[in-house]
Amino acid sequence: MQGYTIRIAKGIKEADGNLMGVKLGRVCLAQDIPVAAVAEAFGVTRQTIYYWFLGKSEPRGPACEAIEAYIANLA
């Protein structure tokens, strides 16, 4: 878990798993995908990714479809 602090990892695990951003966070955490790489893939800031991962905000519109495809490609 080189790219995730214990606090962030715990936050992802405790967040609402029904939220799309949290689902993405859990997959990225499990596969140790760096937040910077995810941010680049979605064209958003690292802070936005952290908010999604922790359930503090939700991706909207086309980002949701892109996240579903991203998760499917990792599975």
PDB file of N, CA and C in Angstrom:
ATOM      1  N   MET A   1       0.833  -1.177   0.000  1.00  0.00           N
ATOM      2  CA  MET A   1       0.000   0.000   0.000  1.00  0.00           C
ATOM      3  C   MET A   1       0.885   1.250   0.000  1.00  0.00           C
ATOM      4  N   GLN A   2       1.775   1.337  -0.939  1.00  0.00           N
ATOM      5  CA  GLN A   2       2.755   2.408  -0.948  1.00  0.00           C
ATOM      6  C   GLN A   2       2.141   3.783  -1.173  1.00  0.00           C
ATOM      7  N   GLY A   3       1.076   3.912  -1.952  1.00  0.00           N
ATOM      8  CA  GLY A   3       0.532   5.215  -2.277  1.00  0.00           C
ATOM      9  C   GLY A   3      -0.566   5.708  -1.362  1.00  0.00           C
ATOM     10  N   TYR A   4      -1.008   4.927  -0.409  1.00  0.00           N
ATOM     11  CA  TYR A   4      -2.142   5.294   0.436  1.00  0.00           C
ATOM     12  C   TYR A   4      -1.730   5.310   1.903  1.00  0.00           C
ATOM     13  N   THR A   5      -2.081   6.385   2.587  1.00  0.00           N
ATOM     14  CA  THR A   5      -1.808   6.421   4.018  1.00  0.00           C
ATOM     15  C   THR A   5      -2.800   5.510   4.724  1.00  0.00           C
ATOM     16  N   ILE A   6      -2.484   5.154   5.930  1.00  0.00           N
ATOM     17  CA  ILE A   6      -3.392   4.318   6.724  1.00  0.00           C
ATOM     18  C   ILE A   6      -4.726   5.030   6.910  1.00  0.00           C
ATOM     19  N   ARG A   7      -4.669   6.343   7.130  1.00  0.00           N
ATOM     20  CA  ARG A   7      -5.896   7.121   7.341  1.00  0.00           C
ATOM     21  C   ARG A   7      -6.789   7.090   6.102  1.00  0.00           C
ATOM     22  N   ILE A   8      -6.201   7.261   4.933  1.00  0.00           N
ATOM     23  CA  ILE A   8      -6.981   7.239   3.688  1.00  0.00           C
ATOM     24  C   ILE A   8      -7.530   5.839   3.435  1.00  0.00           C
ATOM     25  N   ALA A   9      -6.707   4.822   3.616  1.00  0.00           N
ATOM     26  CA  ALA A   9      -7.161   3.440   3.411  1.00  0.00           C
ATOM     27  C   ALA A   9      -8.328   3.117   4.340  1.00  0.00           C
ATOM     28  N   LYS A  10      -8.230   3.524   5.581  1.00  0.00           N
ATOM     29  CA  LYS A  10      -9.309   3.285   6.545  1.00  0.00           C
ATOM     30  C   LYS A  10     -10.563   4.048   6.127  1.00  0.00           C
ATOM     31  N   GLY A  11     -10.390   5.289   5.675  1.00  0.00           N
ATOM     32  CA  GLY A  11     -11.529   6.094   5.235  1.00  0.00           C
ATOM     33  C   GLY A  11     -12.250   5.474   4.059  1.00  0.00           C
ATOM     34  N   ILE A  12     -11.492   4.931   3.110  1.00  0.00           N
ATOM     35  CA  ILE A  12     -12.098   4.270   1.950  1.00  0.00           C
ATOM     36  C   ILE A  12     -12.882   3.045   2.406  1.00  0.00           C
ATOM     37  N   LYS A  13     -12.311   2.266   3.294  1.00  0.00           N
ATOM     38  CA  LYS A  13     -12.976   1.046   3.766  1.00  0.00           C
ATOM     39  C   LYS A  13     -14.234   1.351   4.576  1.00  0.00           C
ATOM     40  N   GLU A  14     -14.257   2.492   5.258  1.00  0.00           N
ATOM     41  CA  GLU A  14     -15.403   2.840   6.100  1.00  0.00           C
ATOM     42  C   GLU A  14     -16.471   3.647   5.365  1.00  0.00           C
ATOM     43  N   ALA A  15     -16.174   4.137   4.180  1.00  0.00           N
ATOM     44  CA  ALA A  15     -17.126   4.952   3.422  1.00  0.00           C
ATOM     45  C   ALA A  15     -18.248   4.083   2.854  1.00  0.00           C
ATOM     46  N   ASP A  16     -19.315   4.726   2.411  1.00  0.00           N
ATOM     47  CA  ASP A  16     -20.496   4.049   1.864  1.00  0.00           C
ATOM     48  C   ASP A  16     -20.139   3.357   0.548  1.00  0.00           C
ATOM     49  N   GLY A  17     -20.086   2.055   0.573  1.00  0.00           N
ATOM     50  CA  GLY A  17     -19.699   1.268  -0.588  1.00  0.00           C
ATOM     51  C   GLY A  17     -20.676   1.298  -1.744  1.00  0.00           C
ATOM     52  N   ASN A  18     -21.831   1.935  -1.567  1.00  0.00           N
ATOM     53  CA  ASN A  18     -22.799   2.063  -2.654  1.00  0.00           C
ATOM     54  C   ASN A  18     -22.463   3.235  -3.570  1.00  0.00           C
ATOM     55  N   LEU A  19     -21.592   4.126  -3.107  1.00  0.00           N
ATOM     56  CA  LEU A  19     -21.239   5.300  -3.894  1.00  0.00           C
ATOM     57  C   LEU A  19     -20.201   4.931  -4.957  1.00  0.00           C
ATOM     58  N   MET A  20     -20.396   5.459  -6.146  1.00  0.00           N
ATOM     59  CA  MET A  20     -19.514   5.132  -7.270  1.00  0.00           C
ATOM     60  C   MET A  20     -18.059   5.476  -6.975  1.00  0.00           C
ATOM     61  N   GLY A  21     -17.818   6.641  -6.398  1.00  0.00           N
ATOM     62  CA  GLY A  21     -16.450   7.045  -6.104  1.00  0.00           C
ATOM     63  C   GLY A  21     -15.778   6.144  -5.079  1.00  0.00           C
ATOM     64  N   VAL A  22     -16.556   5.670  -4.120  1.00  0.00           N
ATOM     65  CA  VAL A  22     -16.022   4.771  -3.092  1.00  0.00           C
ATOM     66  C   VAL A  22     -15.704   3.410  -3.722  1.00  0.00           C
ATOM     67  N   LYS A  23     -16.576   2.957  -4.614  1.00  0.00           N
ATOM     68  CA  LYS A  23     -16.297   1.704  -5.325  1.00  0.00           C
ATOM     69  C   LYS A  23     -14.967   1.805  -6.066  1.00  0.00           C
ATOM     70  N   LEU A  24     -14.783   2.940  -6.744  1.00  0.00           N
ATOM     71  CA  LEU A  24     -13.529   3.175  -7.449  1.00  0.00           C
ATOM     72  C   LEU A  24     -12.360   3.172  -6.473  1.00  0.00           C
ATOM     73  N   GLY A  25     -12.535   3.832  -5.342  1.00  0.00           N
ATOM     74  CA  GLY A  25     -11.485   3.886  -4.330  1.00  0.00           C
ATOM     75  C   GLY A  25     -11.093   2.515  -3.821  1.00  0.00           C
ATOM     76  N   ARG A  26     -12.063   1.678  -3.601  1.00  0.00           N
ATOM     77  CA  ARG A  26     -11.776   0.340  -3.085  1.00  0.00           C
ATOM     78  C   ARG A  26     -11.006  -0.498  -4.089  1.00  0.00           C
ATOM     79  N   VAL A  27     -11.366  -0.373  -5.359  1.00  0.00           N
ATOM     80  CA  VAL A  27     -10.643  -1.107  -6.403  1.00  0.00           C
ATOM     81  C   VAL A  27      -9.211  -0.592  -6.505  1.00  0.00           C
ATOM     82  N   CYS A  28      -9.067   0.727  -6.500  1.00  0.00           N
ATOM     83  CA  CYS A  28      -7.730   1.312  -6.623  1.00  0.00           C
ATOM     84  C   CYS A  28      -6.864   0.985  -5.407  1.00  0.00           C
ATOM     85  N   LEU A  29      -7.463   0.988  -4.234  1.00  0.00           N
ATOM     86  CA  LEU A  29      -6.744   0.626  -3.017  1.00  0.00           C
ATOM     87  C   LEU A  29      -6.277  -0.823  -3.092  1.00  0.00           C
ATOM     88  N   ALA A  30      -7.175  -1.718  -3.484  1.00  0.00           N
ATOM     89  CA  ALA A  30      -6.848  -3.144  -3.559  1.00  0.00           C
ATOM     90  C   ALA A  30      -5.741  -3.421  -4.568  1.00  0.00           C
ATOM     91  N   GLN A  31      -5.716  -2.640  -5.645  1.00  0.00           N
ATOM     92  CA  GLN A  31      -4.716  -2.872  -6.694  1.00  0.00           C
ATOM     93  C   GLN A  31      -3.551  -1.895  -6.608  1.00  0.00           C
ATOM     94  N   ASP A  32      -3.550  -1.074  -5.562  1.00  0.00           N
ATOM     95  CA  ASP A  32      -2.476  -0.099  -5.307  1.00  0.00           C
ATOM     96  C   ASP A  32      -2.223   0.807  -6.510  1.00  0.00           C
ATOM     97  N   ILE A  33      -3.312   1.297  -7.089  1.00  0.00           N
ATOM     98  CA  ILE A  33      -3.213   2.230  -8.212  1.00  0.00           C
ATOM     99  C   ILE A  33      -3.067   3.634  -7.639  1.00  0.00           C
ATOM    100  N   PRO A  34      -2.030   4.349  -8.013  1.00  0.00           N
ATOM    101  CA  PRO A  34      -1.785   5.680  -7.442  1.00  0.00           C
ATOM    102  C   PRO A  34      -2.909   6.676  -7.745  1.00  0.00           C
ATOM    103  N   VAL A  35      -3.207   7.499  -6.784  1.00  0.00           N
ATOM    104  CA  VAL A  35      -4.238   8.520  -6.931  1.00  0.00           C
ATOM    105  C   VAL A  35      -3.912   9.430  -8.109  1.00  0.00           C
ATOM    106  N   ALA A  36      -2.654   9.760  -8.286  1.00  0.00           N
ATOM    107  CA  ALA A  36      -2.256  10.624  -9.395  1.00  0.00           C
ATOM    108  C   ALA A  36      -2.619   9.996 -10.746  1.00  0.00           C
ATOM    109  N   ALA A  37      -2.460   8.692 -10.876  1.00  0.00           N
ATOM    110  CA  ALA A  37      -2.796   8.008 -12.120  1.00  0.00           C
ATOM    111  C   ALA A  37      -4.304   8.036 -12.363  1.00  0.00           C
ATOM    112  N   VAL A  38      -5.083   7.878 -11.310  1.00  0.00           N
ATOM    113  CA  VAL A  38      -6.541   7.910 -11.428  1.00  0.00           C
ATOM    114  C   VAL A  38      -6.990   9.322 -11.807  1.00  0.00           C
ATOM    115  N   ALA A  39      -6.410  10.316 -11.165  1.00  0.00           N
ATOM    116  CA  ALA A  39      -6.749  11.704 -11.463  1.00  0.00           C
ATOM    117  C   ALA A  39      -6.458  12.029 -12.927  1.00  0.00           C
ATOM    118  N   GLU A  40      -5.320  11.568 -13.399  1.00  0.00           N
ATOM    119  CA  GLU A  40      -4.951  11.813 -14.797  1.00  0.00           C
ATOM    120  C   GLU A  40      -5.934  11.111 -15.739  1.00  0.00           C
ATOM    121  N   ALA A  41      -6.318   9.895 -15.402  1.00  0.00           N
ATOM    122  CA  ALA A  41      -7.237   9.130 -16.246  1.00  0.00           C
ATOM    123  C   ALA A  41      -8.591   9.820 -16.390  1.00  0.00           C
ATOM    124  N   PHE A  42      -9.025  10.518 -15.336  1.00  0.00           N
ATOM    125  CA  PHE A  42     -10.338  11.161 -15.354  1.00  0.00           C
ATOM    126  C   PHE A  42     -10.275  12.668 -15.580  1.00  0.00           C
ATOM    127  N   GLY A  43      -9.078  13.191 -15.712  1.00  0.00           N
ATOM    128  CA  GLY A  43      -8.935  14.614 -15.990  1.00  0.00           C
ATOM    129  C   GLY A  43      -9.395  15.515 -14.858  1.00  0.00           C
ATOM    130  N   VAL A  44      -9.170  15.050 -13.622  1.00  0.00           N
ATOM    131  CA  VAL A  44      -9.536  15.834 -12.439  1.00  0.00           C
ATOM    132  C   VAL A  44      -8.327  15.916 -11.515  1.00  0.00           C
ATOM    133  N   THR A  45      -8.461  16.685 -10.445  1.00  0.00           N
ATOM    134  CA  THR A  45      -7.360  16.822  -9.493  1.00  0.00           C
ATOM    135  C   THR A  45      -7.281  15.614  -8.564  1.00  0.00           C
ATOM    136  N   ARG A  46      -6.124  15.460  -7.936  1.00  0.00           N
ATOM    137  CA  ARG A  46      -5.977  14.392  -6.938  1.00  0.00           C
ATOM    138  C   ARG A  46      -6.944  14.615  -5.789  1.00  0.00           C
ATOM    139  N   GLN A  47      -7.166  15.884  -5.410  1.00  0.00           N
ATOM    140  CA  GLN A  47      -8.098  16.175  -4.319  1.00  0.00           C
ATOM    141  C   GLN A  47      -9.507  15.695  -4.657  1.00  0.00           C
ATOM    142  N   THR A  48      -9.915  15.882  -5.897  1.00  0.00           N
ATOM    143  CA  THR A  48     -11.230  15.388  -6.328  1.00  0.00           C
ATOM    144  C   THR A  48     -11.304  13.882  -6.169  1.00  0.00           C
ATOM    145  N   ILE A  49     -10.252  13.183  -6.553  1.00  0.00           N
ATOM    146  CA  ILE A  49     -10.231  11.720  -6.423  1.00  0.00           C
ATOM    147  C   ILE A  49     -10.340  11.314  -4.955  1.00  0.00           C
ATOM    148  N   TYR A  50      -9.602  11.985  -4.094  1.00  0.00           N
ATOM    149  CA  TYR A  50      -9.699  11.670  -2.660  1.00  0.00           C
ATOM    150  C   TYR A  50     -11.130  11.889  -2.161  1.00  0.00           C
ATOM    151  N   TYR A  51     -11.758  12.974  -2.577  1.00  0.00           N
ATOM    152  CA  TYR A  51     -13.148  13.228  -2.168  1.00  0.00           C
ATOM    153  C   TYR A  51     -14.074  12.124  -2.669  1.00  0.00           C
ATOM    154  N   TRP A  52     -13.884  11.690  -3.898  1.00  0.00           N
ATOM    155  CA  TRP A  52     -14.688  10.586  -4.424  1.00  0.00           C
ATOM    156  C   TRP A  52     -14.447   9.319  -3.615  1.00  0.00           C
ATOM    157  N   PHE A  53     -13.169   8.991  -3.399  1.00  0.00           N
ATOM    158  CA  PHE A  53     -12.815   7.767  -2.676  1.00  0.00           C
ATOM    159  C   PHE A  53     -13.423   7.732  -1.281  1.00  0.00           C
ATOM    160  N   LEU A  54     -13.470   8.872  -0.618  1.00  0.00           N
ATOM    161  CA  LEU A  54     -13.952   8.944   0.764  1.00  0.00           C
ATOM    162  C   LEU A  54     -15.444   9.215   0.866  1.00  0.00           C
ATOM    163  N   GLY A  55     -16.126   9.362  -0.272  1.00  0.00           N
ATOM    164  CA  GLY A  55     -17.558   9.613  -0.274  1.00  0.00           C
ATOM    165  C   GLY A  55     -17.924  11.037   0.114  1.00  0.00           C
ATOM    166  N   LYS A  56     -16.967  11.962   0.044  1.00  0.00           N
ATOM    167  CA  LYS A  56     -17.240  13.362   0.393  1.00  0.00           C
ATOM    168  C   LYS A  56     -17.898  14.103  -0.757  1.00  0.00           C
ATOM    169  N   SER A  57     -17.724  13.599  -1.966  1.00  0.00           N
ATOM    170  CA  SER A  57     -18.426  14.111  -3.140  1.00  0.00           C
ATOM    171  C   SER A  57     -18.606  12.946  -4.097  1.00  0.00           C
ATOM    172  N   GLU A  58     -19.505  13.122  -5.038  1.00  0.00           N
ATOM    173  CA  GLU A  58     -19.809  12.056  -5.981  1.00  0.00           C
ATOM    174  C   GLU A  58     -19.509  12.499  -7.397  1.00  0.00           C
ATOM    175  N   PRO A  59     -18.926  11.612  -8.189  1.00  0.00           N
ATOM    176  CA  PRO A  59     -18.750  11.931  -9.602  1.00  0.00           C
ATOM    177  C   PRO A  59     -20.121  12.077 -10.257  1.00  0.00           C
ATOM    178  N   ARG A  60     -20.186  12.922 -11.283  1.00  0.00           N
ATOM    179  CA  ARG A  60     -21.467  13.177 -11.948  1.00  0.00           C
ATOM    180  C   ARG A  60     -21.347  12.942 -13.447  1.00  0.00           C
ATOM    181  N   GLY A  61     -22.501  12.743 -14.050  1.00  0.00           N
ATOM    182  CA  GLY A  61     -22.603  12.659 -15.501  1.00  0.00           C
ATOM    183  C   GLY A  61     -21.699  11.628 -16.128  1.00  0.00           C
ATOM    184  N   PRO A  62     -20.975  12.051 -17.166  1.00  0.00           N
ATOM    185  CA  PRO A  62     -20.144  11.103 -17.922  1.00  0.00           C
ATOM    186  C   PRO A  62     -19.050  10.458 -17.069  1.00  0.00           C
ATOM    187  N   ALA A  63     -18.663  11.106 -15.989  1.00  0.00           N
ATOM    188  CA  ALA A  63     -17.629  10.522 -15.125  1.00  0.00           C
ATOM    189  C   ALA A  63     -18.092   9.186 -14.555  1.00  0.00           C
ATOM    190  N   CYS A  64     -19.379   9.066 -14.261  1.00  0.00           N
ATOM    191  CA  CYS A  64     -19.892   7.806 -13.701  1.00  0.00           C
ATOM    192  C   CYS A  64     -19.727   6.648 -14.689  1.00  0.00           C
ATOM    193  N   GLU A  65     -20.059   6.911 -15.945  1.00  0.00           N
ATOM    194  CA  GLU A  65     -19.895   5.872 -16.962  1.00  0.00           C
ATOM    195  C   GLU A  65     -18.418   5.536 -17.158  1.00  0.00           C
ATOM    196  N   ALA A  66     -17.585   6.558 -17.124  1.00  0.00           N
ATOM    197  CA  ALA A  66     -16.147   6.342 -17.277  1.00  0.00           C
ATOM    198  C   ALA A  66     -15.598   5.519 -16.112  1.00  0.00           C
ATOM    199  N   ILE A  67     -16.105   5.765 -14.909  1.00  0.00           N
ATOM    200  CA  ILE A  67     -15.667   5.010 -13.733  1.00  0.00           C
ATOM    201  C   ILE A  67     -16.081   3.554 -13.845  1.00  0.00           C
ATOM    202  N   GLU A  68     -17.314   3.320 -14.274  1.00  0.00           N
ATOM    203  CA  GLU A  68     -17.779   1.941 -14.446  1.00  0.00           C
ATOM    204  C   GLU A  68     -16.882   1.195 -15.438  1.00  0.00           C
ATOM    205  N   ALA A  69     -16.537   1.849 -16.539  1.00  0.00           N
ATOM    206  CA  ALA A  69     -15.670   1.226 -17.542  1.00  0.00           C
ATOM    207  C   ALA A  69     -14.270   0.998 -16.984  1.00  0.00           C
ATOM    208  N   TYR A  70     -13.762   1.960 -16.228  1.00  0.00           N
ATOM    209  CA  TYR A  70     -12.435   1.855 -15.625  1.00  0.00           C
ATOM    210  C   TYR A  70     -12.379   0.666 -14.673  1.00  0.00           C
ATOM    211  N   ILE A  71     -13.395   0.548 -13.818  1.00  0.00           N
ATOM    212  CA  ILE A  71     -13.465  -0.568 -12.873  1.00  0.00           C
ATOM    213  C   ILE A  71     -13.556  -1.900 -13.631  1.00  0.00           C
ATOM    214  N   ALA A  72     -14.384  -1.942 -14.664  1.00  0.00           N
ATOM    215  CA  ALA A  72     -14.556  -3.176 -15.444  1.00  0.00           C
ATOM    216  C   ALA A  72     -13.233  -3.598 -16.093  1.00  0.00           C
ATOM    217  N   ASN A  73     -12.461  -2.623 -16.550  1.00  0.00           N
ATOM    218  CA  ASN A  73     -11.177  -2.936 -17.188  1.00  0.00           C
ATOM    219  C   ASN A  73     -10.134  -3.442 -16.187  1.00  0.00           C
ATOM    220  N   LEU A  74     -10.299  -3.085 -14.917  1.00  0.00           N
ATOM    221  CA  LEU A  74      -9.368  -3.541 -13.894  1.00  0.00           C
ATOM    222  C   LEU A  74      -9.709  -4.933 -13.376  1.00  0.00           C
ATOM    223  N   ALA A  75     -10.948  -5.329 -13.555  1.00  0.00           N
ATOM    224  CA  ALA A  75     -11.406  -6.617 -13.013  1.00  0.00           C
ATOM    225  C   ALA A  75     -10.903  -7.784 -13.837  1.00  0.00           C
TER     226      ALA A  75
END
